[in-house]
Full PDB file with SEQRES, HELIX, SHEET, SSBOND, CRYST1, ORIGX, SCALE, CONECT and MASTER records, all heavy atoms in Angstrom:
SEQRES   1 A   41  LEU SER ASN ALA LEU GLN GLN LYS LEU ILE LEU LEU PRO          
SEQRES   2 A   41  GLU VAL PHE TRP CYS GLN ASP ASP ILE SER ILE ALA PRO          
SEQRES   3 A   41  TYR GLY TYR GLY ASN THR TRP VAL SER ASN THR PHE HIS          
SEQRES   4 A   41  GLN TYR                                                      
HELIX    1 AA1 ALA A    4  GLN A    7  5                                   4    
SHEET    1 AA1 2 TRP A  17  CYS A  18  0                                        
SHEET    2 AA1 2 HIS A  39  GLN A  40 -1                                        
CRYST1    1.000    1.000    1.000  90.00  90.00  90.00 P 1           1          
ORIGX1      1.000000  0.000000  0.000000        0.00000                         
ORIGX2      0.000000  1.000000  0.000000        0.00000                         
ORIGX3      0.000000  0.000000  1.000000        0.00000                         
SCALE1      1.000000  0.000000  0.000000        0.00000                         
SCALE2      0.000000  1.000000  0.000000        0.00000                         
SCALE3      0.000000  0.000000  1.000000        0.00000                         
ATOM      1  N   LEU A   1      21.371-198.498  50.434  1.00  0.00           N  
ATOM      2  CA  LEU A   1      21.105-199.987  50.127  1.00  0.00           C  
ATOM      3  C   LEU A   1      21.939-200.413  48.947  1.00  0.00           C  
ATOM      4  O   LEU A   1      22.452-201.484  48.931  1.00  0.00           O  
ATOM      5  CB  LEU A   1      19.552-200.067  49.628  1.00  0.00           C  
ATOM      6  CG  LEU A   1      19.000-201.458  49.403  1.00  0.00           C  
ATOM      7  CD1 LEU A   1      19.080-202.358  50.712  1.00  0.00           C  
ATOM      8  CD2 LEU A   1      17.582-201.306  48.963  1.00  0.00           C  
ATOM      9  N   SER A   2      22.080-199.546  47.874  1.00  0.00           N  
ATOM     10  CA  SER A   2      23.089-199.905  46.892  1.00  0.00           C  
ATOM     11  C   SER A   2      24.386-200.103  47.268  1.00  0.00           C  
ATOM     12  O   SER A   2      25.111-201.070  46.792  1.00  0.00           O  
ATOM     13  CB  SER A   2      22.916-198.660  45.806  1.00  0.00           C  
ATOM     14  OG  SER A   2      21.657-198.584  45.217  1.00  0.00           O  
ATOM     15  N   ASN A   3      24.880-199.187  48.225  1.00  0.00           N  
ATOM     16  CA  ASN A   3      26.223-199.298  48.579  1.00  0.00           C  
ATOM     17  C   ASN A   3      26.503-200.687  49.298  1.00  0.00           C  
ATOM     18  O   ASN A   3      27.352-201.432  49.080  1.00  0.00           O  
ATOM     19  CB  ASN A   3      26.478-198.196  49.578  1.00  0.00           C  
ATOM     20  CG  ASN A   3      27.889-198.257  50.043  1.00  0.00           C  
ATOM     21  OD1 ASN A   3      28.853-198.241  49.310  1.00  0.00           O  
ATOM     22  ND2 ASN A   3      28.172-198.154  51.342  1.00  0.00           N  
ATOM     23  N   ALA A   4      25.548-201.132  50.190  1.00  0.00           N  
ATOM     24  CA  ALA A   4      25.686-202.275  50.980  1.00  0.00           C  
ATOM     25  C   ALA A   4      25.599-203.505  50.147  1.00  0.00           C  
ATOM     26  O   ALA A   4      26.264-204.597  50.503  1.00  0.00           O  
ATOM     27  CB  ALA A   4      24.641-202.327  52.089  1.00  0.00           C  
ATOM     28  N   LEU A   5      24.723-203.602  49.191  1.00  0.00           N  
ATOM     29  CA  LEU A   5      24.438-204.825  48.374  1.00  0.00           C  
ATOM     30  C   LEU A   5      25.533-205.140  47.526  1.00  0.00           C  
ATOM     31  O   LEU A   5      25.693-206.296  46.990  1.00  0.00           O  
ATOM     32  CB  LEU A   5      23.206-204.670  47.568  1.00  0.00           C  
ATOM     33  CG  LEU A   5      21.856-204.653  48.520  1.00  0.00           C  
ATOM     34  CD1 LEU A   5      20.650-204.694  47.552  1.00  0.00           C  
ATOM     35  CD2 LEU A   5      21.799-205.690  49.562  1.00  0.00           C  
ATOM     36  N   GLN A   6      26.614-204.265  47.405  1.00  0.00           N  
ATOM     37  CA  GLN A   6      27.787-204.552  46.519  1.00  0.00           C  
ATOM     38  C   GLN A   6      28.687-205.566  47.199  1.00  0.00           C  
ATOM     39  O   GLN A   6      29.642-205.972  46.575  1.00  0.00           O  
ATOM     40  CB  GLN A   6      28.428-203.364  46.169  1.00  0.00           C  
ATOM     41  CG  GLN A   6      27.625-202.451  45.059  1.00  0.00           C  
ATOM     42  CD  GLN A   6      28.390-201.276  44.530  1.00  0.00           C  
ATOM     43  OE1 GLN A   6      29.206-201.312  43.772  1.00  0.00           O  
ATOM     44  NE2 GLN A   6      28.118-200.151  45.146  1.00  0.00           N  
ATOM     45  N   GLN A   7      28.421-206.028  48.437  1.00  0.00           N  
ATOM     46  CA  GLN A   7      29.028-207.074  49.152  1.00  0.00           C  
ATOM     47  C   GLN A   7      29.038-208.280  48.266  1.00  0.00           C  
ATOM     48  O   GLN A   7      29.960-209.062  48.122  1.00  0.00           O  
ATOM     49  CB  GLN A   7      28.527-207.232  50.524  1.00  0.00           C  
ATOM     50  CG  GLN A   7      28.764-206.264  51.465  1.00  0.00           C  
ATOM     51  CD  GLN A   7      28.019-206.411  52.821  1.00  0.00           C  
ATOM     52  OE1 GLN A   7      28.253-207.615  53.387  1.00  0.00           O  
ATOM     53  NE2 GLN A   7      27.158-205.614  53.272  1.00  0.00           N  
ATOM     54  N   LYS A   8      27.994-208.563  47.647  1.00  0.00           N  
ATOM     55  CA  LYS A   8      27.540-209.772  46.789  1.00  0.00           C  
ATOM     56  C   LYS A   8      27.060-209.475  45.411  1.00  0.00           C  
ATOM     57  O   LYS A   8      27.079-210.429  44.666  1.00  0.00           O  
ATOM     58  CB  LYS A   8      26.614-210.630  47.578  1.00  0.00           C  
ATOM     59  CG  LYS A   8      27.147-211.245  48.817  1.00  0.00           C  
ATOM     60  CD  LYS A   8      26.142-212.255  49.389  1.00  0.00           C  
ATOM     61  CE  LYS A   8      26.688-212.870  50.738  1.00  0.00           C  
ATOM     62  NZ  LYS A   8      25.748-213.874  51.220  1.00  0.00           N  
ATOM     63  N   LEU A   9      26.680-208.306  45.189  1.00  0.00           N  
ATOM     64  CA  LEU A   9      26.079-208.008  43.823  1.00  0.00           C  
ATOM     65  C   LEU A   9      26.711-206.847  43.061  1.00  0.00           C  
ATOM     66  O   LEU A   9      27.426-205.983  43.682  1.00  0.00           O  
ATOM     67  CB  LEU A   9      24.653-207.728  44.122  1.00  0.00           C  
ATOM     68  CG  LEU A   9      23.656-208.684  44.827  1.00  0.00           C  
ATOM     69  CD1 LEU A   9      22.427-208.163  45.259  1.00  0.00           C  
ATOM     70  CD2 LEU A   9      23.396-209.930  43.844  1.00  0.00           C  
ATOM     71  N   ILE A  10      26.557-206.835  41.727  1.00  0.00           N  
ATOM     72  CA  ILE A  10      27.063-205.839  40.895  1.00  0.00           C  
ATOM     73  C   ILE A  10      25.982-204.719  40.638  1.00  0.00           C  
ATOM     74  O   ILE A  10      24.799-205.092  40.286  1.00  0.00           O  
ATOM     75  CB  ILE A  10      27.476-206.566  39.684  1.00  0.00           C  
ATOM     76  CG1 ILE A  10      28.596-207.474  39.830  1.00  0.00           C  
ATOM     77  CG2 ILE A  10      28.020-205.480  38.581  1.00  0.00           C  
ATOM     78  CD1 ILE A  10      28.807-208.398  38.639  1.00  0.00           C  
ATOM     79  N   LEU A  11      26.228-203.413  40.811  1.00  0.00           N  
ATOM     80  CA  LEU A  11      25.402-202.310  40.578  1.00  0.00           C  
ATOM     81  C   LEU A  11      25.272-202.101  39.059  1.00  0.00           C  
ATOM     82  O   LEU A  11      26.292-201.873  38.392  1.00  0.00           O  
ATOM     83  CB  LEU A  11      25.857-201.215  41.337  1.00  0.00           C  
ATOM     84  CG  LEU A  11      24.900-199.862  41.109  1.00  0.00           C  
ATOM     85  CD1 LEU A  11      23.666-200.072  41.812  1.00  0.00           C  
ATOM     86  CD2 LEU A  11      25.752-198.746  41.845  1.00  0.00           C  
ATOM     87  N   LEU A  12      24.039-201.971  38.535  1.00  0.00           N  
ATOM     88  CA  LEU A  12      23.677-201.596  37.219  1.00  0.00           C  
ATOM     89  C   LEU A  12      23.170-200.199  37.191  1.00  0.00           C  
ATOM     90  O   LEU A  12      22.697-199.696  38.384  1.00  0.00           O  
ATOM     91  CB  LEU A  12      22.691-202.581  36.597  1.00  0.00           C  
ATOM     92  CG  LEU A  12      23.408-203.832  35.924  1.00  0.00           C  
ATOM     93  CD1 LEU A  12      23.968-204.772  36.944  1.00  0.00           C  
ATOM     94  CD2 LEU A  12      22.278-204.696  35.337  1.00  0.00           C  
ATOM     95  N   PRO A  13      23.113-199.501  36.100  1.00  0.00           N  
ATOM     96  CA  PRO A  13      22.504-198.162  36.055  1.00  0.00           C  
ATOM     97  C   PRO A  13      20.909-198.160  36.593  1.00  0.00           C  
ATOM     98  O   PRO A  13      20.197-199.060  36.453  1.00  0.00           O  
ATOM     99  CB  PRO A  13      22.399-197.814  34.562  1.00  0.00           C  
ATOM    100  CG  PRO A  13      23.588-198.612  33.999  1.00  0.00           C  
ATOM    101  CD  PRO A  13      23.471-199.928  34.662  1.00  0.00           C  
ATOM    102  N   GLU A  14      20.701-197.131  37.335  1.00  0.00           N  
ATOM    103  CA  GLU A  14      19.397-197.065  37.924  1.00  0.00           C  
ATOM    104  C   GLU A  14      18.382-196.473  36.926  1.00  0.00           C  
ATOM    105  O   GLU A  14      18.834-195.928  35.888  1.00  0.00           O  
ATOM    106  CB  GLU A  14      19.366-196.082  39.198  1.00  0.00           C  
ATOM    107  CG  GLU A  14      19.317-194.575  38.819  1.00  0.00           C  
ATOM    108  CD  GLU A  14      20.589-193.934  38.511  1.00  0.00           C  
ATOM    109  OE1 GLU A  14      21.701-194.832  38.178  1.00  0.00           O  
ATOM    110  OE2 GLU A  14      21.014-192.764  38.726  1.00  0.00           O  
ATOM    111  N   VAL A  15      17.121-196.640  37.074  1.00  0.00           N  
ATOM    112  CA  VAL A  15      16.037-196.251  36.208  1.00  0.00           C  
ATOM    113  C   VAL A  15      15.047-195.561  37.090  1.00  0.00           C  
ATOM    114  O   VAL A  15      14.839-195.897  38.293  1.00  0.00           O  
ATOM    115  CB  VAL A  15      15.355-197.418  35.479  1.00  0.00           C  
ATOM    116  CG1 VAL A  15      14.114-197.021  34.837  1.00  0.00           C  
ATOM    117  CG2 VAL A  15      16.355-198.119  34.533  1.00  0.00           C  
ATOM    118  N   PHE A  16      14.487-194.282  36.672  1.00  0.00           N  
ATOM    119  CA  PHE A  16      13.580-193.741  37.555  1.00  0.00           C  
ATOM    120  C   PHE A  16      12.123-193.814  36.903  1.00  0.00           C  
ATOM    121  O   PHE A  16      11.815-193.556  35.735  1.00  0.00           O  
ATOM    122  CB  PHE A  16      13.971-192.166  37.355  1.00  0.00           C  
ATOM    123  CG  PHE A  16      15.157-191.829  38.209  1.00  0.00           C  
ATOM    124  CD1 PHE A  16      16.299-191.556  37.454  1.00  0.00           C  
ATOM    125  CD2 PHE A  16      15.118-191.880  39.643  1.00  0.00           C  
ATOM    126  CE1 PHE A  16      17.399-191.164  38.270  1.00  0.00           C  
ATOM    127  CE2 PHE A  16      16.296-191.570  40.340  1.00  0.00           C  
ATOM    128  CZ  PHE A  16      17.438-191.162  39.678  1.00  0.00           C  
ATOM    129  N   TRP A  17      11.292-194.162  37.800  1.00  0.00           N  
ATOM    130  CA  TRP A  17       9.858-194.115  37.724  1.00  0.00           C  
ATOM    131  C   TRP A  17       9.375-192.730  38.253  1.00  0.00           C  
ATOM    132  O   TRP A  17       9.448-192.574  39.400  1.00  0.00           O  
ATOM    133  CB  TRP A  17       9.143-195.275  38.411  1.00  0.00           C  
ATOM    134  CG  TRP A  17       7.694-195.162  38.526  1.00  0.00           C  
ATOM    135  CD1 TRP A  17       6.822-194.451  37.734  1.00  0.00           C  
ATOM    136  CD2 TRP A  17       6.783-195.665  39.539  1.00  0.00           C  
ATOM    137  NE1 TRP A  17       5.511-194.548  38.239  1.00  0.00           N  
ATOM    138  CE2 TRP A  17       5.415-195.326  39.254  1.00  0.00           C  
ATOM    139  CE3 TRP A  17       7.064-196.404  40.798  1.00  0.00           C  
ATOM    140  CZ2 TRP A  17       4.327-195.676  40.177  1.00  0.00           C  
ATOM    141  CZ3 TRP A  17       6.026-196.894  41.449  1.00  0.00           C  
ATOM    142  CH2 TRP A  17       4.739-196.475  41.189  1.00  0.00           C  
ATOM    143  N   CYS A  18       8.919-191.857  37.210  1.00  0.00           N  
ATOM    144  CA  CYS A  18       8.531-190.573  37.508  1.00  0.00           C  
ATOM    145  C   CYS A  18       6.860-190.460  37.583  1.00  0.00           C  
ATOM    146  O   CYS A  18       6.289-191.027  36.710  1.00  0.00           O  
ATOM    147  CB  CYS A  18       8.967-189.513  36.554  1.00  0.00           C  
ATOM    148  SG  CYS A  18      10.857-189.444  36.510  1.00  0.00           S  
ATOM    149  N   GLN A  19       6.405-189.898  38.591  1.00  0.00           N  
ATOM    150  CA  GLN A  19       5.025-189.814  38.812  1.00  0.00           C  
ATOM    151  C   GLN A  19       4.566-188.223  38.540  1.00  0.00           C  
ATOM    152  O   GLN A  19       5.116-187.281  39.060  1.00  0.00           O  
ATOM    153  CB  GLN A  19       4.589-190.231  40.271  1.00  0.00           C  
ATOM    154  CG  GLN A  19       4.901-191.560  40.514  1.00  0.00           C  
ATOM    155  CD  GLN A  19       4.935-191.937  42.014  1.00  0.00           C  
ATOM    156  OE1 GLN A  19       5.789-191.518  42.738  1.00  0.00           O  
ATOM    157  NE2 GLN A  19       3.863-192.624  42.326  1.00  0.00           N  
ATOM    158  N   ASP A  20       3.574-188.124  37.622  1.00  0.00           N  
ATOM    159  CA  ASP A  20       3.046-186.732  37.570  1.00  0.00           C  
ATOM    160  C   ASP A  20       1.375-186.619  37.756  1.00  0.00           C  
ATOM    161  O   ASP A  20       0.818-185.713  37.297  1.00  0.00           O  
ATOM    162  CB  ASP A  20       3.371-186.332  36.048  1.00  0.00           C  
ATOM    163  CG  ASP A  20       2.522-187.145  34.902  1.00  0.00           C  
ATOM    164  OD1 ASP A  20       2.043-188.123  35.372  1.00  0.00           O  
ATOM    165  OD2 ASP A  20       2.673-186.683  33.842  1.00  0.00           O  
ATOM    166  N   ASP A  21       1.016-187.600  38.337  1.00  0.00           N  
ATOM    167  CA  ASP A  21      -0.519-187.615  38.695  1.00  0.00           C  
ATOM    168  C   ASP A  21      -0.813-187.452  40.137  1.00  0.00           C  
ATOM    169  O   ASP A  21      -1.907-187.962  40.514  1.00  0.00           O  
ATOM    170  CB  ASP A  21      -1.110-188.939  38.103  1.00  0.00           C  
ATOM    171  CG  ASP A  21      -0.397-190.200  38.843  1.00  0.00           C  
ATOM    172  OD1 ASP A  21       0.819-190.073  39.264  1.00  0.00           O  
ATOM    173  OD2 ASP A  21      -1.051-191.235  38.894  1.00  0.00           O  
ATOM    174  N   ILE A  22       0.121-186.672  40.845  1.00  0.00           N  
ATOM    175  CA  ILE A  22      -0.158-186.607  42.296  1.00  0.00           C  
ATOM    176  C   ILE A  22      -0.130-185.144  42.634  1.00  0.00           C  
ATOM    177  O   ILE A  22       0.724-184.198  41.980  1.00  0.00           O  
ATOM    178  CB  ILE A  22       1.063-187.242  43.021  1.00  0.00           C  
ATOM    179  CG1 ILE A  22       1.193-188.760  42.768  1.00  0.00           C  
ATOM    180  CG2 ILE A  22       0.770-187.108  44.590  1.00  0.00           C  
ATOM    181  CD1 ILE A  22       2.420-189.356  43.384  1.00  0.00           C  
ATOM    182  N   SER A  23      -0.994-184.654  43.430  1.00  0.00           N  
ATOM    183  CA  SER A  23      -0.991-183.227  43.787  1.00  0.00           C  
ATOM    184  C   SER A  23       0.109-182.779  44.572  1.00  0.00           C  
ATOM    185  O   SER A  23       0.653-183.557  45.401  1.00  0.00           O  
ATOM    186  CB  SER A  23      -2.394-183.002  44.561  1.00  0.00           C  
ATOM    187  OG  SER A  23      -3.539-183.263  43.959  1.00  0.00           O  
ATOM    188  N   ILE A  24       0.653-181.535  44.193  1.00  0.00           N  
ATOM    189  CA  ILE A  24       1.837-181.021  44.884  1.00  0.00           C  
ATOM    190  C   ILE A  24       1.386-180.316  46.169  1.00  0.00           C  
ATOM    191  O   ILE A  24       0.404-179.527  46.221  1.00  0.00           O  
ATOM    192  CB  ILE A  24       2.478-179.910  44.013  1.00  0.00           C  
ATOM    193  CG1 ILE A  24       2.920-180.699  42.664  1.00  0.00           C  
ATOM    194  CG2 ILE A  24       3.686-179.402  44.665  1.00  0.00           C  
ATOM    195  CD1 ILE A  24       3.660-179.844  41.595  1.00  0.00           C  
ATOM    196  N   ALA A  25       2.057-180.505  47.212  1.00  0.00           N  
ATOM    197  CA  ALA A  25       1.860-180.043  48.511  1.00  0.00           C  
ATOM    198  C   ALA A  25       2.888-178.888  48.789  1.00  0.00           C  
ATOM    199  O   ALA A  25       4.107-179.076  48.463  1.00  0.00           O  
ATOM    200  CB  ALA A  25       1.867-180.973  49.660  1.00  0.00           C  
ATOM    201  N   PRO A  26       2.558-177.809  49.388  1.00  0.00           N  
ATOM    202  CA  PRO A  26       3.430-176.602  49.538  1.00  0.00           C  
ATOM    203  C   PRO A  26       4.387-176.737  50.836  1.00  0.00           C  
ATOM    204  O   PRO A  26       4.404-175.935  51.754  1.00  0.00           O  
ATOM    205  CB  PRO A  26       2.570-175.381  49.663  1.00  0.00           C  
ATOM    206  CG  PRO A  26       1.249-176.096  50.466  1.00  0.00           C  
ATOM    207  CD  PRO A  26       1.087-177.462  49.822  1.00  0.00           C  
ATOM    208  N   TYR A  27       5.034-177.942  50.926  1.00  0.00           N  
ATOM    209  CA  TYR A  27       6.071-178.071  51.977  1.00  0.00           C  
ATOM    210  C   TYR A  27       6.956-177.085  52.134  1.00  0.00           C  
ATOM    211  O   TYR A  27       7.596-176.576  51.193  1.00  0.00           O  
ATOM    212  CB  TYR A  27       6.676-179.475  51.848  1.00  0.00           C  
ATOM    213  CG  TYR A  27       5.825-180.654  51.838  1.00  0.00           C  
ATOM    214  CD1 TYR A  27       6.072-181.547  50.725  1.00  0.00           C  
ATOM    215  CD2 TYR A  27       4.769-180.967  52.669  1.00  0.00           C  
ATOM    216  CE1 TYR A  27       5.370-182.748  50.602  1.00  0.00           C  
ATOM    217  CE2 TYR A  27       4.011-181.985  52.498  1.00  0.00           C  
ATOM    218  CZ  TYR A  27       4.279-182.996  51.557  1.00  0.00           C  
ATOM    219  OH  TYR A  27       3.461-184.135  51.424  1.00  0.00           O  
ATOM    220  N   GLY A  28       7.149-176.535  53.350  1.00  0.00           N  
ATOM    221  CA  GLY A  28       8.189-175.408  53.552  1.00  0.00           C  
ATOM    222  C   GLY A  28       7.883-174.062  53.043  1.00  0.00           C  
ATOM    223  O   GLY A  28       8.734-173.154  53.048  1.00  0.00           O  
ATOM    224  N   TYR A  29       6.642-173.978  52.433  1.00  0.00           N  
ATOM    225  CA  TYR A  29       6.380-172.607  51.756  1.00  0.00           C  
ATOM    226  C   TYR A  29       6.812-171.367  52.632  1.00  0.00           C  
ATOM    227  O   TYR A  29       6.373-171.302  53.793  1.00  0.00           O  
ATOM    228  CB  TYR A  29       4.959-172.640  51.362  1.00  0.00           C  
ATOM    229  CG  TYR A  29       4.573-171.207  50.704  1.00  0.00           C  
ATOM    230  CD1 TYR A  29       5.255-171.011  49.493  1.00  0.00           C  
ATOM    231  CD2 TYR A  29       3.820-170.282  51.399  1.00  0.00           C  
ATOM    232  CE1 TYR A  29       4.892-169.658  48.886  1.00  0.00           C  
ATOM    233  CE2 TYR A  29       3.502-169.046  50.768  1.00  0.00           C  
ATOM    234  CZ  TYR A  29       4.036-168.879  49.557  1.00  0.00           C  
ATOM    235  OH  TYR A  29       3.757-167.602  48.954  1.00  0.00           O  
ATOM    236  N   GLY A  30       7.528-170.607  51.935  1.00  0.00           N  
ATOM    237  CA  GLY A  30       7.921-169.272  52.609  1.00  0.00           C  
ATOM    238  C   GLY A  30       9.134-169.382  53.560  1.00  0.00           C  
ATOM    239  O   GLY A  30       9.678-168.339  53.929  1.00  0.00           O  
ATOM    240  N   ASN A  31       9.588-170.620  53.784  1.00  0.00           N  
ATOM    241  CA  ASN A  31      10.693-170.677  54.733  1.00  0.00           C  
ATOM    242  C   ASN A  31      11.839-171.480  54.082  1.00  0.00           C  
ATOM    243  O   ASN A  31      12.996-171.137  54.481  1.00  0.00           O  
ATOM    244  CB  ASN A  31      10.119-171.531  55.976  1.00  0.00           C  
ATOM    245  CG  ASN A  31       9.146-170.686  56.756  1.00  0.00           C  
ATOM    246  OD1 ASN A  31       9.570-169.542  57.344  1.00  0.00           O  
ATOM    247  ND2 ASN A  31       7.925-171.159  56.823  1.00  0.00           N  
ATOM    248  N   THR A  32      11.750-172.611  53.508  1.00  0.00           N  
ATOM    249  CA  THR A  32      12.712-173.405  53.042  1.00  0.00           C  
ATOM    250  C   THR A  32      12.383-174.307  51.959  1.00  0.00           C  
ATOM    251  O   THR A  32      11.114-174.416  51.547  1.00  0.00           O  
ATOM    252  CB  THR A  32      13.425-174.148  54.067  1.00  0.00           C  
ATOM    253  OG1 THR A  32      14.703-174.714  53.663  1.00  0.00           O  
ATOM    254  CG2 THR A  32      12.624-175.340  54.642  1.00  0.00           C  
ATOM    255  N   TRP A  33      13.354-175.035  51.232  1.00  0.00           N  
ATOM    256  CA  TRP A  33      13.090-175.922  50.251  1.00  0.00           C  
ATOM    257  C   TRP A  33      12.766-177.254  50.668  1.00  0.00           C  
ATOM    258  O   TRP A  33      13.718-177.996  51.339  1.00  0.00           O  
ATOM    259  CB  TRP A  33      14.169-175.888  49.261  1.00  0.00           C  
ATOM    260  CG  TRP A  33      14.547-177.054  48.464  1.00  0.00           C  
ATOM    261  CD1 TRP A  33      15.593-177.872  48.390  1.00  0.00           C  
ATOM    262  CD2 TRP A  33      13.648-177.632  47.402  1.00  0.00           C  
ATOM    263  NE1 TRP A  33      15.589-178.824  47.403  1.00  0.00           N  
ATOM    264  CE2 TRP A  33      14.373-178.787  46.725  1.00  0.00           C  
ATOM    265  CE3 TRP A  33      12.373-177.292  46.965  1.00  0.00           C  
ATOM    266  CZ2 TRP A  33      13.716-179.610  45.721  1.00  0.00           C  
ATOM    267  CZ3 TRP A  33      11.763-178.082  45.973  1.00  0.00           C  
ATOM    268  CH2 TRP A  33      12.520-179.108  45.292  1.00  0.00           C  
ATOM    269  N   VAL A  34      11.716-177.833  50.491  1.00  0.00           N  
ATOM    270  CA  VAL A  34      11.395-179.318  50.726  1.00  0.00           C  
ATOM    271  C   VAL A  34      10.625-179.769  49.429  1.00  0.00           C  
ATOM    272  O   VAL A  34       9.469-179.422  49.353  1.00  0.00           O  
ATOM    273  CB  VAL A  34      10.575-179.447  52.023  1.00  0.00           C  
ATOM    274  CG1 VAL A  34      10.354-180.995  52.366  1.00  0.00           C  
ATOM    275  CG2 VAL A  34      11.133-178.836  53.153  1.00  0.00           C  
ATOM    276  N   SER A  35      11.172-180.839  48.882  1.00  0.00           N  
ATOM    277  CA  SER A  35      10.435-181.202  47.588  1.00  0.00           C  
ATOM    278  C   SER A  35       9.185-182.212  47.930  1.00  0.00           C  
ATOM    279  O   SER A  35       9.127-182.779  49.075  1.00  0.00           O  
ATOM    280  CB  SER A  35      11.425-182.034  46.690  1.00  0.00           C  
ATOM    281  OG  SER A  35      11.593-183.226  46.973  1.00  0.00           O  
ATOM    282  N   ASN A  36       8.412-182.425  46.880  1.00  0.00           N  
ATOM    283  CA  ASN A  36       7.544-183.573  46.927  1.00  0.00           C  
ATOM    284  C   ASN A  36       8.226-184.582  46.156  1.00  0.00           C  
ATOM    285  O   ASN A  36       8.441-184.476  44.843  1.00  0.00           O  
ATOM    286  CB  ASN A  36       6.133-183.181  46.196  1.00  0.00           C  
ATOM    287  CG  ASN A  36       5.252-182.139  46.919  1.00  0.00           C  
ATOM    288  OD1 ASN A  36       4.086-182.474  47.136  1.00  0.00           O  
ATOM    289  ND2 ASN A  36       5.904-181.143  47.418  1.00  0.00           N  
ATOM    290  N   THR A  37       8.415-185.719  46.827  1.00  0.00           N  
ATOM    291  CA  THR A  37       9.184-186.759  46.171  1.00  0.00           C  
ATOM    292  C   THR A  37       8.362-187.675  45.225  1.00  0.00           C  
ATOM    293  O   THR A  37       7.565-188.525  45.702  1.00  0.00           O  
ATOM    294  CB  THR A  37       9.907-187.767  47.185  1.00  0.00           C  
ATOM    295  OG1 THR A  37      10.686-186.876  48.014  1.00  0.00           O  
ATOM    296  CG2 THR A  37      10.843-188.630  46.513  1.00  0.00           C  
ATOM    297  N   PHE A  38       8.343-187.257  43.959  1.00  0.00           N  
ATOM    298  CA  PHE A  38       7.576-187.937  42.879  1.00  0.00           C  
ATOM    299  C   PHE A  38       8.454-188.794  41.969  1.00  0.00           C  
ATOM    300  O   PHE A  38       8.075-189.030  40.824  1.00  0.00           O  
ATOM    301  CB  PHE A  38       6.805-186.862  42.106  1.00  0.00           C  
ATOM    302  CG  PHE A  38       5.804-186.167  42.845  1.00  0.00           C  
ATOM    303  CD1 PHE A  38       5.244-184.980  42.440  1.00  0.00           C  
ATOM    304  CD2 PHE A  38       5.367-186.580  44.107  1.00  0.00           C  
ATOM    305  CE1 PHE A  38       4.192-184.378  43.014  1.00  0.00           C  
ATOM    306  CE2 PHE A  38       4.279-185.947  44.742  1.00  0.00           C  
ATOM    307  CZ  PHE A  38       3.798-184.838  44.272  1.00  0.00           C  
ATOM    308  N   HIS A  39       9.651-189.258  42.334  1.00  0.00           N  
ATOM    309  CA  HIS A  39      10.388-190.195  41.648  1.00  0.00           C  
ATOM    310  C   HIS A  39      10.798-191.312  42.550  1.00  0.00           C  
ATOM    311  O   HIS A  39      11.132-191.162  43.692  1.00  0.00           O  
ATOM    312  CB  HIS A  39      11.622-189.486  40.933  1.00  0.00           C  
ATOM    313  CG  HIS A  39      12.586-189.055  41.961  1.00  0.00           C  
ATOM    314  ND1 HIS A  39      12.644-187.912  42.641  1.00  0.00           N  
ATOM    315  CD2 HIS A  39      13.843-189.743  42.369  1.00  0.00           C  
ATOM    316  CE1 HIS A  39      13.578-187.785  43.362  1.00  0.00           C  
ATOM    317  NE2 HIS A  39      14.372-188.758  43.277  1.00  0.00           N  
ATOM    318  N   GLN A  40      10.771-192.576  41.950  1.00  0.00           N  
ATOM    319  CA  GLN A  40      11.124-193.838  42.658  1.00  0.00           C  
ATOM    320  C   GLN A  40      12.345-194.367  41.910  1.00  0.00           C  
ATOM    321  O   GLN A  40      12.487-194.273  40.626  1.00  0.00           O  
ATOM    322  CB  GLN A  40       9.962-194.839  42.582  1.00  0.00           C  
ATOM    323  CG  GLN A  40       8.681-194.213  42.775  1.00  0.00           C  
ATOM    324  CD  GLN A  40       8.293-194.307  44.270  1.00  0.00           C  
ATOM    325  OE1 GLN A  40       8.914-194.913  45.097  1.00  0.00           O  
ATOM    326  NE2 GLN A  40       7.363-193.413  44.637  1.00  0.00           N  
ATOM    327  N   TYR A  41      13.360-194.766  42.551  1.00  0.00           N  
ATOM    328  CA  TYR A  41      14.491-195.539  42.063  1.00  0.00           C  
ATOM    329  C   TYR A  41      14.104-196.984  41.817  1.00  0.00           C  
ATOM    330  O   TYR A  41      13.609-197.621  42.715  1.00  0.00           O  
ATOM    331  CB  TYR A  41      15.671-195.457  43.150  1.00  0.00           C  
ATOM    332  CG  TYR A  41      16.320-194.200  43.251  1.00  0.00           C  
ATOM    333  CD1 TYR A  41      15.958-193.290  44.037  1.00  0.00           C  
ATOM    334  CD2 TYR A  41      17.638-194.049  42.606  1.00  0.00           C  
ATOM    335  CE1 TYR A  41      16.721-192.079  44.181  1.00  0.00           C  
ATOM    336  CE2 TYR A  41      18.387-192.845  42.846  1.00  0.00           C  
ATOM    337  CZ  TYR A  41      17.804-191.892  43.559  1.00  0.00           C  
ATOM    338  OH  TYR A  41      18.502-190.684  43.748  1.00  0.00           O  
TER     339      TYR A  41                                                      
MASTER        0    0    0    1    2    0    0    6  338    1    0    4          
END                                                                             
């Protein structure tokens, strides 16, 4: 989205909203790395 909007707009530094009040789920446990996405751009 950021890449495409530079057709008409100027990109500024992103800010992260981090969440720490959500239960973590064991995605991929024992097999591979899959994060719980708890940050929003």
